[in-house]
Amino acid sequence: MKNIYLLIFLLAVAHCAHGSAKLSTCLPAAKIGRTAAVVICPGGGYTTLCDTYEGDDMARWLVERGVAAFVLRYRLAPKYHGKEMLEDIREALCYVREHAEELNVDPHRVGVLGFSAGGHLACLAGTTDADWRADFMALVYAHISMAKDIGHGHMREKFLGAGATDEDIRQASGELLVDERTPPAFLVHARTDEVCSVEHSRRFAAAMRKKGRPVDYLELESGRHGLGCGRGEHWHKWLDAFEKWLREVGATATLEQLANACPRIVFDTDMYTDYDDIGALAILHALADRGECELIAVGSNTYGDGNKSVAVCEIINAYYGCGNLPVVLSGGGLGR
């Protein structure tokens, strides 16, 4: 099976007034056809983001399996709280669905994958009663509940702010929000997690079963929070189970689709400007000339002066006959 990698480029999720949330986009080869999509929420205790092994690495892993992936770098405490974080994931899910045709994804198969604190955010995206809720969700060693007996007080304060009421806590506890419309869920947690109690996942899985909703819960007998942080036995064990579940819910591409697909590479001309990057672009040109990859350029930088300036991405795309993807121009929110 051919690996399907591409360079990641950034899209602003919300308008500038909303802050600095960002969405990194990884797309499978266009020849695969319409794919499922996953918005990834890295963990980090709502104050930082572990966006390597819980973000960009997971995006590449999903793309290799024919799933479009979008890493959400949501806004963080202490400057922002749950209201803004939920705005960020809502904007991300809505963005993917609204641009489904351009991104070559199925707007009815847009799920979420969240780790630790990001798992809490992903869970709320799957249990919201709003029409933007995710179509499926995967919660990995997730801090799902804000209940005082298992939830961390510092997590409540970071997400809800000081002085949260009992109703605020209930509305931020995913296990209390499960209903007959909650989408299919995959959960994994280690029994010996020293940071986030396994009770978070146990209670959510129990709530799903009580409502008759499909849930696949993998509880590992051992393992620390993070399950190896991108490597080791525990990490690979949950990934194997997750891949099986993705196939069962119809999120991954078929082996035949993957075998026939060549890599689709998105080259951001704003991010790659020095001599080494120019050399990398030359290599990509050569691969595209030989039909070994699909090359699409994005970015807002230009070539030339004044009225004669032309966007570099337009030059590249015109040469290769590629259609442009939605991109964000300097200083703006969502755009094309």
C-alpha atoms as a PDB file:
ATOM      1  CA  MET A   1       0.000   0.000   0.000  1.00  0.00           C
ATOM      2  CA  LYS A   2       1.333   3.423  -0.885  1.00  0.00           C
ATOM      3  CA  ASN A   3       1.770   5.913   1.925  1.00  0.00           C
ATOM      4  CA  ILE A   4      -0.215   9.074   1.374  1.00  0.00           C
ATOM      5  CA  TYR A   5       1.560  12.037   2.932  1.00  0.00           C
ATOM      6  CA  LEU A   6       1.196  15.728   2.379  1.00  0.00           C
ATOM      7  CA  LEU A   7       2.610  18.936   3.703  1.00  0.00           C
ATOM      8  CA  ILE A   8       0.418  20.609   6.268  1.00  0.00           C
ATOM      9  CA  PHE A   9      -0.825  24.151   5.792  1.00  0.00           C
ATOM     10  CA  LEU A  10      -2.716  26.311   8.264  1.00  0.00           C
ATOM     11  CA  LEU A  11      -6.219  27.707   8.063  1.00  0.00           C
ATOM     12  CA  ALA A  12      -7.650  30.164  10.571  1.00  0.00           C
ATOM     13  CA  VAL A  13     -10.755  28.611  12.080  1.00  0.00           C
ATOM     14  CA  ALA A  14     -12.451  31.676  13.472  1.00  0.00           C
ATOM     15  CA  HIS A  15     -12.453  35.299  12.427  1.00  0.00           C
ATOM     16  CA  CYS A  16      -9.728  37.465  13.925  1.00  0.00           C
ATOM     17  CA  ALA A  17     -12.132  38.781  16.542  1.00  0.00           C
ATOM     18  CA  HIS A  18     -12.388  35.246  17.889  1.00  0.00           C
ATOM     19  CA  GLY A  19      -8.677  34.954  18.634  1.00  0.00           C
ATOM     20  CA  SER A  20      -6.007  32.715  17.193  1.00  0.00           C
ATOM     21  CA  ALA A  21      -7.457  29.227  16.753  1.00  0.00           C
ATOM     22  CA  LYS A  22      -5.914  27.407  13.798  1.00  0.00           C
ATOM     23  CA  LEU A  23      -6.836  24.359  11.748  1.00  0.00           C
ATOM     24  CA  SER A  24      -4.137  22.277  10.024  1.00  0.00           C
ATOM     25  CA  THR A  25      -5.386  20.340   7.025  1.00  0.00           C
ATOM     26  CA  CYS A  26      -4.263  16.940   5.724  1.00  0.00           C
ATOM     27  CA  LEU A  27      -6.099  15.556   2.695  1.00  0.00           C
ATOM     28  CA  PRO A  28      -5.898  12.105   1.096  1.00  0.00           C
ATOM     29  CA  ALA A  29      -5.356  11.742  -2.633  1.00  0.00           C
ATOM     30  CA  ALA A  30      -8.254  13.069  -4.701  1.00  0.00           C
ATOM     31  CA  LYS A  31      -8.517   9.773  -6.610  1.00  0.00           C
ATOM     32  CA  ILE A  32      -9.822   8.051  -3.478  1.00  0.00           C
ATOM     33  CA  GLY A  33     -13.105   9.942  -3.818  1.00  0.00           C
ATOM     34  CA  ARG A  34     -15.190  11.506  -1.058  1.00  0.00           C
ATOM     35  CA  THR A  35     -13.701  10.552   2.288  1.00  0.00           C
ATOM     36  CA  ALA A  36     -14.651  10.783   5.925  1.00  0.00           C
ATOM     37  CA  ALA A  37     -13.061  13.611   7.907  1.00  0.00           C
ATOM     38  CA  VAL A  38     -11.802  13.875  11.480  1.00  0.00           C
ATOM     39  CA  VAL A  39     -11.191  17.043  13.486  1.00  0.00           C
ATOM     40  CA  ILE A  40      -8.403  16.293  15.979  1.00  0.00           C
ATOM     41  CA  CYS A  41      -8.273  17.982  19.399  1.00  0.00           C
ATOM     42  CA  PRO A  42      -4.863  17.513  21.065  1.00  0.00           C
ATOM     43  CA  GLY A  43      -4.605  17.423  24.849  1.00  0.00           C
ATOM     44  CA  GLY A  44      -2.596  19.650  27.139  1.00  0.00           C
ATOM     45  CA  GLY A  45      -4.702  20.451  30.184  1.00  0.00           C
ATOM     46  CA  TYR A  46      -6.357  23.401  28.418  1.00  0.00           C
ATOM     47  CA  THR A  47      -3.170  25.459  28.861  1.00  0.00           C
ATOM     48  CA  THR A  48      -0.944  23.978  26.153  1.00  0.00           C
ATOM     49  CA  LEU A  49      -1.283  21.616  23.187  1.00  0.00           C
ATOM     50  CA  CYS A  50       0.509  18.285  22.664  1.00  0.00           C
ATOM     51  CA  ASP A  51       0.066  18.747  18.936  1.00  0.00           C
ATOM     52  CA  THR A  52       2.786  16.414  17.708  1.00  0.00           C
ATOM     53  CA  TYR A  53       1.861  12.822  18.622  1.00  0.00           C
ATOM     54  CA  GLU A  54      -1.703  13.905  19.487  1.00  0.00           C
ATOM     55  CA  GLY A  55      -1.983  16.206  16.484  1.00  0.00           C
ATOM     56  CA  ASP A  56       0.065  16.282  13.306  1.00  0.00           C
ATOM     57  CA  ASP A  57       1.311  12.685  13.691  1.00  0.00           C
ATOM     58  CA  MET A  58      -2.283  11.478  14.064  1.00  0.00           C
ATOM     59  CA  ALA A  59      -3.310  13.505  11.024  1.00  0.00           C
ATOM     60  CA  ARG A  60      -0.719  11.724   8.892  1.00  0.00           C
ATOM     61  CA  TRP A  61      -1.808   8.373  10.346  1.00  0.00           C
ATOM     62  CA  LEU A  62      -5.411   9.065   9.361  1.00  0.00           C
ATOM     63  CA  VAL A  63      -4.502  10.265   5.865  1.00  0.00           C
ATOM     64  CA  GLU A  64      -2.599   7.028   5.259  1.00  0.00           C
ATOM     65  CA  ARG A  65      -5.939   5.278   5.818  1.00  0.00           C
ATOM     66  CA  GLY A  66      -7.861   7.529   3.478  1.00  0.00           C
ATOM     67  CA  VAL A  67      -9.360   9.851   6.094  1.00  0.00           C
ATOM     68  CA  ALA A  68      -9.130  13.634   5.785  1.00  0.00           C
ATOM     69  CA  ALA A  69      -7.673  15.073   8.996  1.00  0.00           C
ATOM     70  CA  PHE A  70      -7.864  18.538  10.536  1.00  0.00           C
ATOM     71  CA  VAL A  71      -5.794  19.383  13.620  1.00  0.00           C
ATOM     72  CA  LEU A  72      -7.551  22.004  15.723  1.00  0.00           C
ATOM     73  CA  ARG A  73      -5.292  24.290  17.723  1.00  0.00           C
ATOM     74  CA  TYR A  74      -8.047  25.718  19.881  1.00  0.00           C
ATOM     75  CA  ARG A  75      -7.767  28.700  22.188  1.00  0.00           C
ATOM     76  CA  LEU A  76      -6.483  28.075  25.706  1.00  0.00           C
ATOM     77  CA  ALA A  77      -6.812  29.130  29.342  1.00  0.00           C
ATOM     78  CA  PRO A  78      -6.273  31.330  31.190  1.00  0.00           C
ATOM     79  CA  LYS A  79      -7.172  33.913  28.536  1.00  0.00           C
ATOM     80  CA  TYR A  80      -9.999  31.809  27.106  1.00  0.00           C
ATOM     81  CA  HIS A  81     -12.469  29.316  28.578  1.00  0.00           C
ATOM     82  CA  GLY A  82     -15.026  26.756  27.468  1.00  0.00           C
ATOM     83  CA  LYS A  83     -17.232  29.201  25.583  1.00  0.00           C
ATOM     84  CA  GLU A  84     -14.414  30.114  23.210  1.00  0.00           C
ATOM     85  CA  MET A  85     -13.093  26.547  22.970  1.00  0.00           C
ATOM     86  CA  LEU A  86     -16.537  25.294  21.956  1.00  0.00           C
ATOM     87  CA  GLU A  87     -16.756  28.098  19.410  1.00  0.00           C
ATOM     88  CA  ASP A  88     -13.489  26.853  17.932  1.00  0.00           C
ATOM     89  CA  ILE A  89     -14.583  23.253  17.497  1.00  0.00           C
ATOM     90  CA  ARG A  90     -17.994  24.327  16.205  1.00  0.00           C
ATOM     91  CA  GLU A  91     -16.288  26.558  13.625  1.00  0.00           C
ATOM     92  CA  ALA A  92     -13.976  23.711  12.631  1.00  0.00           C
ATOM     93  CA  LEU A  93     -16.784  21.187  12.113  1.00  0.00           C
ATOM     94  CA  CYS A  94     -18.895  23.736  10.241  1.00  0.00           C
ATOM     95  CA  TYR A  95     -15.930  24.755   8.088  1.00  0.00           C
ATOM     96  CA  VAL A  96     -15.239  21.170   6.999  1.00  0.00           C
ATOM     97  CA  ARG A  97     -18.898  20.559   6.156  1.00  0.00           C
ATOM     98  CA  GLU A  98     -19.384  23.860   4.354  1.00  0.00           C
ATOM     99  CA  HIS A  99     -16.258  23.227   2.228  1.00  0.00           C
ATOM    100  CA  ALA A 100     -16.921  19.505   1.787  1.00  0.00           C
ATOM    101  CA  GLU A 101     -16.947  19.656  -2.001  1.00  0.00           C
ATOM    102  CA  GLU A 102     -13.674  21.547  -2.251  1.00  0.00           C
ATOM    103  CA  LEU A 103     -12.025  19.349   0.388  1.00  0.00           C
ATOM    104  CA  ASN A 104     -13.432  16.183  -1.218  1.00  0.00           C
ATOM    105  CA  VAL A 105     -15.006  14.945   2.020  1.00  0.00           C
ATOM    106  CA  ASP A 106     -18.413  13.549   2.893  1.00  0.00           C
ATOM    107  CA  PRO A 107     -20.233  16.195   5.002  1.00  0.00           C
ATOM    108  CA  HIS A 108     -22.204  13.424   6.732  1.00  0.00           C
ATOM    109  CA  ARG A 109     -19.049  11.636   7.941  1.00  0.00           C
ATOM    110  CA  VAL A 110     -17.254  14.321   9.932  1.00  0.00           C
ATOM    111  CA  GLY A 111     -16.041  13.045  13.294  1.00  0.00           C
ATOM    112  CA  VAL A 112     -13.846  14.164  16.165  1.00  0.00           C
ATOM    113  CA  LEU A 113     -10.819  12.639  17.859  1.00  0.00           C
ATOM    114  CA  GLY A 114      -9.710  14.043  21.193  1.00  0.00           C
ATOM    115  CA  PHE A 115      -6.976  13.310  23.717  1.00  0.00           C
ATOM    116  CA  SER A 116      -7.092  14.089  27.453  1.00  0.00           C
ATOM    117  CA  ALA A 117      -8.454  17.658  27.778  1.00  0.00           C
ATOM    118  CA  GLY A 118      -8.992  17.661  24.015  1.00  0.00           C
ATOM    119  CA  GLY A 119     -11.058  14.518  24.556  1.00  0.00           C
ATOM    120  CA  HIS A 120     -13.370  16.543  26.781  1.00  0.00           C
ATOM    121  CA  LEU A 121     -13.815  19.113  24.017  1.00  0.00           C
ATOM    122  CA  ALA A 122     -14.370  16.361  21.425  1.00  0.00           C
ATOM    123  CA  CYS A 123     -16.905  14.687  23.709  1.00  0.00           C
ATOM    124  CA  LEU A 124     -18.919  17.891  24.012  1.00  0.00           C
ATOM    125  CA  ALA A 125     -18.862  18.178  20.216  1.00  0.00           C
ATOM    126  CA  GLY A 126     -20.464  14.735  20.062  1.00  0.00           C
ATOM    127  CA  THR A 127     -23.024  15.259  22.803  1.00  0.00           C
ATOM    128  CA  THR A 128     -24.180  18.799  22.016  1.00  0.00           C
ATOM    129  CA  ASP A 129     -27.846  19.062  21.073  1.00  0.00           C
ATOM    130  CA  ALA A 130     -26.982  21.570  18.343  1.00  0.00           C
ATOM    131  CA  ASP A 131     -27.139  20.637  14.671  1.00  0.00           C
ATOM    132  CA  TRP A 132     -23.349  20.925  14.295  1.00  0.00           C
ATOM    133  CA  ARG A 133     -22.607  17.867  16.454  1.00  0.00           C
ATOM    134  CA  ALA A 134     -19.985  15.412  15.193  1.00  0.00           C
ATOM    135  CA  ASP A 135     -21.034  12.283  13.289  1.00  0.00           C
ATOM    136  CA  PHE A 136     -18.735  10.012  15.331  1.00  0.00           C
ATOM    137  CA  MET A 137     -16.190  10.504  18.101  1.00  0.00           C
ATOM    138  CA  ALA A 138     -13.061   8.895  19.493  1.00  0.00           C
ATOM    139  CA  LEU A 139     -12.040   9.805  23.044  1.00  0.00           C
ATOM    140  CA  VAL A 140      -8.541   8.805  24.119  1.00  0.00           C
ATOM    141  CA  TYR A 141      -7.688   8.880  27.852  1.00  0.00           C
ATOM    142  CA  ALA A 142     -10.196  11.708  27.926  1.00  0.00           C
ATOM    143  CA  HIS A 143     -11.159  13.988  30.810  1.00  0.00           C
ATOM    144  CA  ILE A 144     -14.878  13.676  30.073  1.00  0.00           C
ATOM    145  CA  SER A 145     -16.589  14.698  33.300  1.00  0.00           C
ATOM    146  CA  MET A 146     -16.467  17.839  35.404  1.00  0.00           C
ATOM    147  CA  ALA A 147     -18.191  16.025  38.298  1.00  0.00           C
ATOM    148  CA  LYS A 148     -16.538  16.886  41.589  1.00  0.00           C
ATOM    149  CA  ASP A 149     -15.890  13.269  42.583  1.00  0.00           C
ATOM    150  CA  ILE A 150     -13.719  12.449  39.544  1.00  0.00           C
ATOM    151  CA  GLY A 151     -13.071  15.725  37.724  1.00  0.00           C
ATOM    152  CA  HIS A 152     -10.044  17.840  38.586  1.00  0.00           C
ATOM    153  CA  GLY A 153     -10.831  21.194  40.164  1.00  0.00           C
ATOM    154  CA  HIS A 154      -8.167  22.951  38.113  1.00  0.00           C
ATOM    155  CA  MET A 155      -9.724  21.553  34.913  1.00  0.00           C
ATOM    156  CA  ARG A 156     -13.127  22.887  35.919  1.00  0.00           C
ATOM    157  CA  GLU A 157     -11.690  26.322  36.537  1.00  0.00           C
ATOM    158  CA  LYS A 158      -9.739  26.374  33.265  1.00  0.00           C
ATOM    159  CA  PHE A 159     -12.781  25.353  31.243  1.00  0.00           C
ATOM    160  CA  LEU A 160     -15.629  26.993  33.171  1.00  0.00           C
ATOM    161  CA  GLY A 161     -13.836  29.825  34.941  1.00  0.00           C
ATOM    162  CA  ALA A 162     -14.243  30.701  38.594  1.00  0.00           C
ATOM    163  CA  GLY A 163     -17.640  30.412  40.267  1.00  0.00           C
ATOM    164  CA  ALA A 164     -19.138  27.689  38.068  1.00  0.00           C
ATOM    165  CA  THR A 165     -22.651  26.633  39.093  1.00  0.00           C
ATOM    166  CA  ASP A 166     -23.928  23.058  39.387  1.00  0.00           C
ATOM    167  CA  GLU A 167     -25.740  23.531  36.070  1.00  0.00           C
ATOM    168  CA  ASP A 168     -22.511  24.750  34.420  1.00  0.00           C
ATOM    169  CA  ILE A 169     -20.777  21.597  35.647  1.00  0.00           C
ATOM    170  CA  ARG A 170     -23.599  19.381  34.368  1.00  0.00           C
ATOM    171  CA  GLN A 171     -23.543  20.979  30.925  1.00  0.00           C
ATOM    172  CA  ALA A 172     -19.776  20.391  30.739  1.00  0.00           C
ATOM    173  CA  SER A 173     -19.953  16.708  31.771  1.00  0.00           C
ATOM    174  CA  GLY A 174     -20.264  14.541  28.688  1.00  0.00           C
ATOM    175  CA  GLU A 175     -21.594  11.457  30.450  1.00  0.00           C
ATOM    176  CA  LEU A 176     -24.657  13.482  31.558  1.00  0.00           C
ATOM    177  CA  LEU A 177     -25.410  14.710  28.041  1.00  0.00           C
ATOM    178  CA  VAL A 178     -25.751  11.373  26.218  1.00  0.00           C
ATOM    179  CA  ASP A 179     -29.121  10.981  24.511  1.00  0.00           C
ATOM    180  CA  GLU A 180     -30.781   8.914  21.779  1.00  0.00           C
ATOM    181  CA  ARG A 181     -28.999  10.943  19.081  1.00  0.00           C
ATOM    182  CA  THR A 182     -25.447  10.700  20.417  1.00  0.00           C
ATOM    183  CA  PRO A 183     -23.192   9.405  17.600  1.00  0.00           C
ATOM    184  CA  PRO A 184     -21.069   6.220  17.742  1.00  0.00           C
ATOM    185  CA  ALA A 185     -18.093   6.473  20.085  1.00  0.00           C
ATOM    186  CA  PHE A 186     -14.726   4.805  20.567  1.00  0.00           C
ATOM    187  CA  LEU A 187     -12.963   5.139  23.923  1.00  0.00           C
ATOM    188  CA  VAL A 188      -9.652   3.963  25.317  1.00  0.00           C
ATOM    189  CA  HIS A 189      -8.273   4.401  28.814  1.00  0.00           C
ATOM    190  CA  ALA A 190      -5.675   2.700  30.999  1.00  0.00           C
ATOM    191  CA  ARG A 191      -6.897   1.364  34.325  1.00  0.00           C
ATOM    192  CA  THR A 192      -3.744   2.755  35.961  1.00  0.00           C
ATOM    193  CA  ASP A 193      -3.927   6.274  34.468  1.00  0.00           C
ATOM    194  CA  GLU A 194      -2.417   8.479  37.171  1.00  0.00           C
ATOM    195  CA  VAL A 195      -3.576  11.819  35.747  1.00  0.00           C
ATOM    196  CA  CYS A 196      -7.121  11.247  34.511  1.00  0.00           C
ATOM    197  CA  SER A 197      -9.195   8.591  36.276  1.00  0.00           C
ATOM    198  CA  VAL A 198     -10.430   5.660  34.223  1.00  0.00           C
ATOM    199  CA  GLU A 199     -13.863   6.458  35.691  1.00  0.00           C
ATOM    200  CA  HIS A 200     -14.257   9.172  33.057  1.00  0.00           C
ATOM    201  CA  SER A 201     -14.378   6.629  30.249  1.00  0.00           C
ATOM    202  CA  ARG A 202     -16.229   4.017  32.283  1.00  0.00           C
ATOM    203  CA  ARG A 203     -19.073   6.400  33.074  1.00  0.00           C
ATOM    204  CA  PHE A 204     -19.348   7.647  29.522  1.00  0.00           C
ATOM    205  CA  ALA A 205     -19.403   4.116  28.096  1.00  0.00           C
ATOM    206  CA  ALA A 206     -22.077   3.157  30.652  1.00  0.00           C
ATOM    207  CA  ALA A 207     -24.171   6.190  29.684  1.00  0.00           C
ATOM    208  CA  MET A 208     -23.931   5.241  26.011  1.00  0.00           C
ATOM    209  CA  ARG A 209     -25.047   1.666  26.703  1.00  0.00           C
ATOM    210  CA  LYS A 210     -27.917   2.868  28.881  1.00  0.00           C
ATOM    211  CA  LYS A 211     -29.238   4.963  25.984  1.00  0.00           C
ATOM    212  CA  GLY A 212     -28.676   2.130  23.503  1.00  0.00           C
ATOM    213  CA  ARG A 213     -25.994   4.034  21.613  1.00  0.00           C
ATOM    214  CA  PRO A 214     -23.087   2.253  19.864  1.00  0.00           C
ATOM    215  CA  VAL A 215     -19.869   2.404  21.875  1.00  0.00           C
ATOM    216  CA  ASP A 216     -16.570   0.528  21.678  1.00  0.00           C
ATOM    217  CA  TYR A 217     -14.548   0.844  24.886  1.00  0.00           C
ATOM    218  CA  LEU A 218     -11.006  -0.507  25.214  1.00  0.00           C
ATOM    219  CA  GLU A 219      -9.744  -0.544  28.812  1.00  0.00           C
ATOM    220  CA  LEU A 220      -6.063  -1.369  29.132  1.00  0.00           C
ATOM    221  CA  GLU A 221      -4.891  -3.151  32.261  1.00  0.00           C
ATOM    222  CA  SER A 222      -1.806  -0.974  32.539  1.00  0.00           C
ATOM    223  CA  GLY A 223      -0.354   2.212  31.121  1.00  0.00           C
ATOM    224  CA  ARG A 224       0.344   5.780  32.120  1.00  0.00           C
ATOM    225  CA  HIS A 225      -1.524   8.864  30.951  1.00  0.00           C
ATOM    226  CA  GLY A 226      -0.544   9.407  27.329  1.00  0.00           C
ATOM    227  CA  LEU A 227      -0.178   5.656  26.660  1.00  0.00           C
ATOM    228  CA  GLY A 228       3.439   6.059  25.585  1.00  0.00           C
ATOM    229  CA  CYS A 229       3.064   9.445  23.928  1.00  0.00           C
ATOM    230  CA  GLY A 230       3.196   8.210  20.365  1.00  0.00           C
ATOM    231  CA  ARG A 231       5.311   5.099  20.786  1.00  0.00           C
ATOM    232  CA  GLY A 232       5.451   1.733  22.487  1.00  0.00           C
ATOM    233  CA  GLU A 233       3.142  -1.214  23.120  1.00  0.00           C
ATOM    234  CA  HIS A 234       0.211   0.670  24.629  1.00  0.00           C
ATOM    235  CA  TRP A 235       0.158   3.293  21.872  1.00  0.00           C
ATOM    236  CA  HIS A 236       0.139   0.717  19.098  1.00  0.00           C
ATOM    237  CA  LYS A 237      -2.469  -1.389  20.862  1.00  0.00           C
ATOM    238  CA  TRP A 238      -5.047   1.398  20.979  1.00  0.00           C
ATOM    239  CA  LEU A 239      -4.236   2.460  17.414  1.00  0.00           C
ATOM    240  CA  ASP A 240      -4.918  -1.086  16.170  1.00  0.00           C
ATOM    241  CA  ALA A 241      -8.287  -1.094  17.952  1.00  0.00           C
ATOM    242  CA  PHE A 242      -9.073   2.397  16.670  1.00  0.00           C
ATOM    243  CA  GLU A 243      -8.315   1.441  13.057  1.00  0.00           C
ATOM    244  CA  LYS A 244     -10.615  -1.580  13.343  1.00  0.00           C
ATOM    245  CA  TRP A 245     -13.389   0.629  14.728  1.00  0.00           C
ATOM    246  CA  LEU A 246     -12.918   3.224  11.967  1.00  0.00           C
ATOM    247  CA  ARG A 247     -13.409   0.484   9.386  1.00  0.00           C
ATOM    248  CA  GLU A 248     -16.537  -0.725  11.168  1.00  0.00           C
ATOM    249  CA  VAL A 249     -18.139   2.725  11.120  1.00  0.00           C
ATOM    250  CA  GLY A 250     -17.198   3.196   7.457  1.00  0.00           C
ATOM    251  CA  ALA A 251     -14.668   5.981   7.957  1.00  0.00           C
ATOM    252  CA  THR A 252     -11.602   4.544   6.202  1.00  0.00           C
ATOM    253  CA  ALA A 253     -10.948   4.085   2.493  1.00  0.00           C
ATOM    254  CA  THR A 254     -10.841   0.583   1.040  1.00  0.00           C
ATOM    255  CA  LEU A 255      -7.534  -1.137   0.349  1.00  0.00           C
ATOM    256  CA  GLU A 256      -8.279  -0.926  -3.372  1.00  0.00           C
ATOM    257  CA  GLN A 257      -8.842   2.828  -3.161  1.00  0.00           C
ATOM    258  CA  LEU A 258      -5.585   3.319  -1.273  1.00  0.00           C
ATOM    259  CA  ALA A 259      -3.612   1.115  -3.655  1.00  0.00           C
ATOM    260  CA  ASN A 260      -4.723   3.155  -6.661  1.00  0.00           C
ATOM    261  CA  ALA A 261      -4.079   6.549  -5.097  1.00  0.00           C
ATOM    262  CA  CYS A 262      -0.983   8.661  -5.537  1.00  0.00           C
ATOM    263  CA  PRO A 263       0.048  11.207  -2.885  1.00  0.00           C
ATOM    264  CA  ARG A 264      -1.699  14.573  -2.942  1.00  0.00           C
ATOM    265  CA  ILE A 265       0.711  17.233  -1.728  1.00  0.00           C
ATOM    266  CA  VAL A 266      -0.399  20.647  -0.549  1.00  0.00           C
ATOM    267  CA  PHE A 267       2.455  23.150  -0.768  1.00  0.00           C
ATOM    268  CA  ASP A 268       2.033  26.390   1.190  1.00  0.00           C
ATOM    269  CA  THR A 269       4.060  29.069  -0.551  1.00  0.00           C
ATOM    270  CA  ASP A 270       3.841  31.290   2.560  1.00  0.00           C
ATOM    271  CA  MET A 271       5.550  28.714   4.763  1.00  0.00           C
ATOM    272  CA  TYR A 272       8.291  27.544   2.404  1.00  0.00           C
ATOM    273  CA  THR A 273      10.412  30.409   1.137  1.00  0.00           C
ATOM    274  CA  ASP A 274      14.132  29.792   1.716  1.00  0.00           C
ATOM    275  CA  TYR A 275      16.531  28.012  -0.642  1.00  0.00           C
ATOM    276  CA  ASP A 276      16.018  24.591   0.919  1.00  0.00           C
ATOM    277  CA  ASP A 277      12.265  24.948   0.479  1.00  0.00           C
ATOM    278  CA  ILE A 278      12.674  26.061  -3.118  1.00  0.00           C
ATOM    279  CA  GLY A 279      14.693  22.906  -3.656  1.00  0.00           C
ATOM    280  CA  ALA A 280      11.925  20.858  -2.077  1.00  0.00           C
ATOM    281  CA  LEU A 281       9.384  22.461  -4.415  1.00  0.00           C
ATOM    282  CA  ALA A 282      11.598  21.572  -7.390  1.00  0.00           C
ATOM    283  CA  ILE A 283      11.545  17.940  -6.281  1.00  0.00           C
ATOM    284  CA  LEU A 284       7.751  18.042  -5.961  1.00  0.00           C
ATOM    285  CA  HIS A 285       7.541  19.535  -9.467  1.00  0.00           C
ATOM    286  CA  ALA A 286       9.573  16.639 -10.813  1.00  0.00           C
ATOM    287  CA  LEU A 287       7.360  14.083  -9.078  1.00  0.00           C
ATOM    288  CA  ALA A 288       4.232  15.775 -10.423  1.00  0.00           C
ATOM    289  CA  ASP A 289       5.713  15.850 -13.932  1.00  0.00           C
ATOM    290  CA  ARG A 290       6.129  12.079 -13.753  1.00  0.00           C
ATOM    291  CA  GLY A 291       2.602  11.608 -12.433  1.00  0.00           C
ATOM    292  CA  GLU A 292       3.843  10.315  -9.073  1.00  0.00           C
ATOM    293  CA  CYS A 293       1.944  12.879  -7.014  1.00  0.00           C
ATOM    294  CA  GLU A 294      -0.802  15.459  -7.225  1.00  0.00           C
ATOM    295  CA  LEU A 295       0.530  18.914  -6.397  1.00  0.00           C
ATOM    296  CA  ILE A 296      -1.646  21.787  -5.212  1.00  0.00           C
ATOM    297  CA  ALA A 297      -0.219  25.094  -4.018  1.00  0.00           C
ATOM    298  CA  VAL A 298      -1.811  27.526  -1.585  1.00  0.00           C
ATOM    299  CA  GLY A 299      -0.700  30.796  -0.020  1.00  0.00           C
ATOM    300  CA  SER A 300      -1.019  34.554  -0.294  1.00  0.00           C
ATOM    301  CA  ASN A 301       2.509  35.670  -1.241  1.00  0.00           C
ATOM    302  CA  THR A 302       3.042  37.109  -4.712  1.00  0.00           C
ATOM    303  CA  TYR A 303       5.618  37.336  -7.470  1.00  0.00           C
ATOM    304  CA  GLY A 304       6.278  40.704  -9.130  1.00  0.00           C
ATOM    305  CA  ASP A 305       5.440  44.296  -8.214  1.00  0.00           C
ATOM    306  CA  GLY A 306       2.296  46.399  -8.122  1.00  0.00           C
ATOM    307  CA  ASN A 307      -0.367  45.659 -10.692  1.00  0.00           C
ATOM    308  CA  LYS A 308       1.815  43.005 -12.298  1.00  0.00           C
ATOM    309  CA  SER A 309       2.095  40.841  -9.194  1.00  0.00           C
ATOM    310  CA  VAL A 310       0.658  37.325  -9.340  1.00  0.00           C
ATOM    311  CA  ALA A 311       0.056  34.887  -6.499  1.00  0.00           C
ATOM    312  CA  VAL A 312       2.777  32.237  -6.514  1.00  0.00           C
ATOM    313  CA  CYS A 313       0.209  29.520  -5.825  1.00  0.00           C
ATOM    314  CA  GLU A 314      -1.721  30.558  -8.953  1.00  0.00           C
ATOM    315  CA  ILE A 315       1.415  30.178 -11.068  1.00  0.00           C
ATOM    316  CA  ILE A 316       2.033  26.661  -9.756  1.00  0.00           C
ATOM    317  CA  ASN A 317      -1.597  25.594 -10.066  1.00  0.00           C
ATOM    318  CA  ALA A 318      -1.925  27.014 -13.567  1.00  0.00           C
ATOM    319  CA  TYR A 319       1.152  25.045 -14.632  1.00  0.00           C
ATOM    320  CA  TYR A 320      -0.248  21.798 -13.283  1.00  0.00           C
ATOM    321  CA  GLY A 321      -3.892  22.455 -14.056  1.00  0.00           C
ATOM    322  CA  CYS A 322      -4.815  22.146 -10.365  1.00  0.00           C
ATOM    323  CA  GLY A 323      -7.842  23.723  -8.786  1.00  0.00           C
ATOM    324  CA  ASN A 324      -7.090  25.795  -5.711  1.00  0.00           C
ATOM    325  CA  LEU A 325      -8.233  24.803  -2.233  1.00  0.00           C
ATOM    326  CA  PRO A 326      -9.831  27.190   0.250  1.00  0.00           C
ATOM    327  CA  VAL A 327      -7.075  29.238   1.866  1.00  0.00           C
ATOM    328  CA  VAL A 328      -6.782  32.117   4.277  1.00  0.00           C
ATOM    329  CA  LEU A 329      -5.239  35.351   3.053  1.00  0.00           C
ATOM    330  CA  SER A 330      -3.115  37.464   5.364  1.00  0.00           C
ATOM    331  CA  GLY A 331      -5.047  39.316   8.052  1.00  0.00           C
ATOM    332  CA  GLY A 332      -8.380  37.607   7.621  1.00  0.00           C
ATOM    333  CA  GLY A 333     -10.628  34.843   8.811  1.00  0.00           C
ATOM    334  CA  LEU A 334     -12.064  32.115   6.644  1.00  0.00           C
ATOM    335  CA  GLY A 335     -11.620  32.799   2.961  1.00  0.00           C
ATOM    336  CA  ARG A 336     -10.771  31.364  -0.422  1.00  0.00           C
END
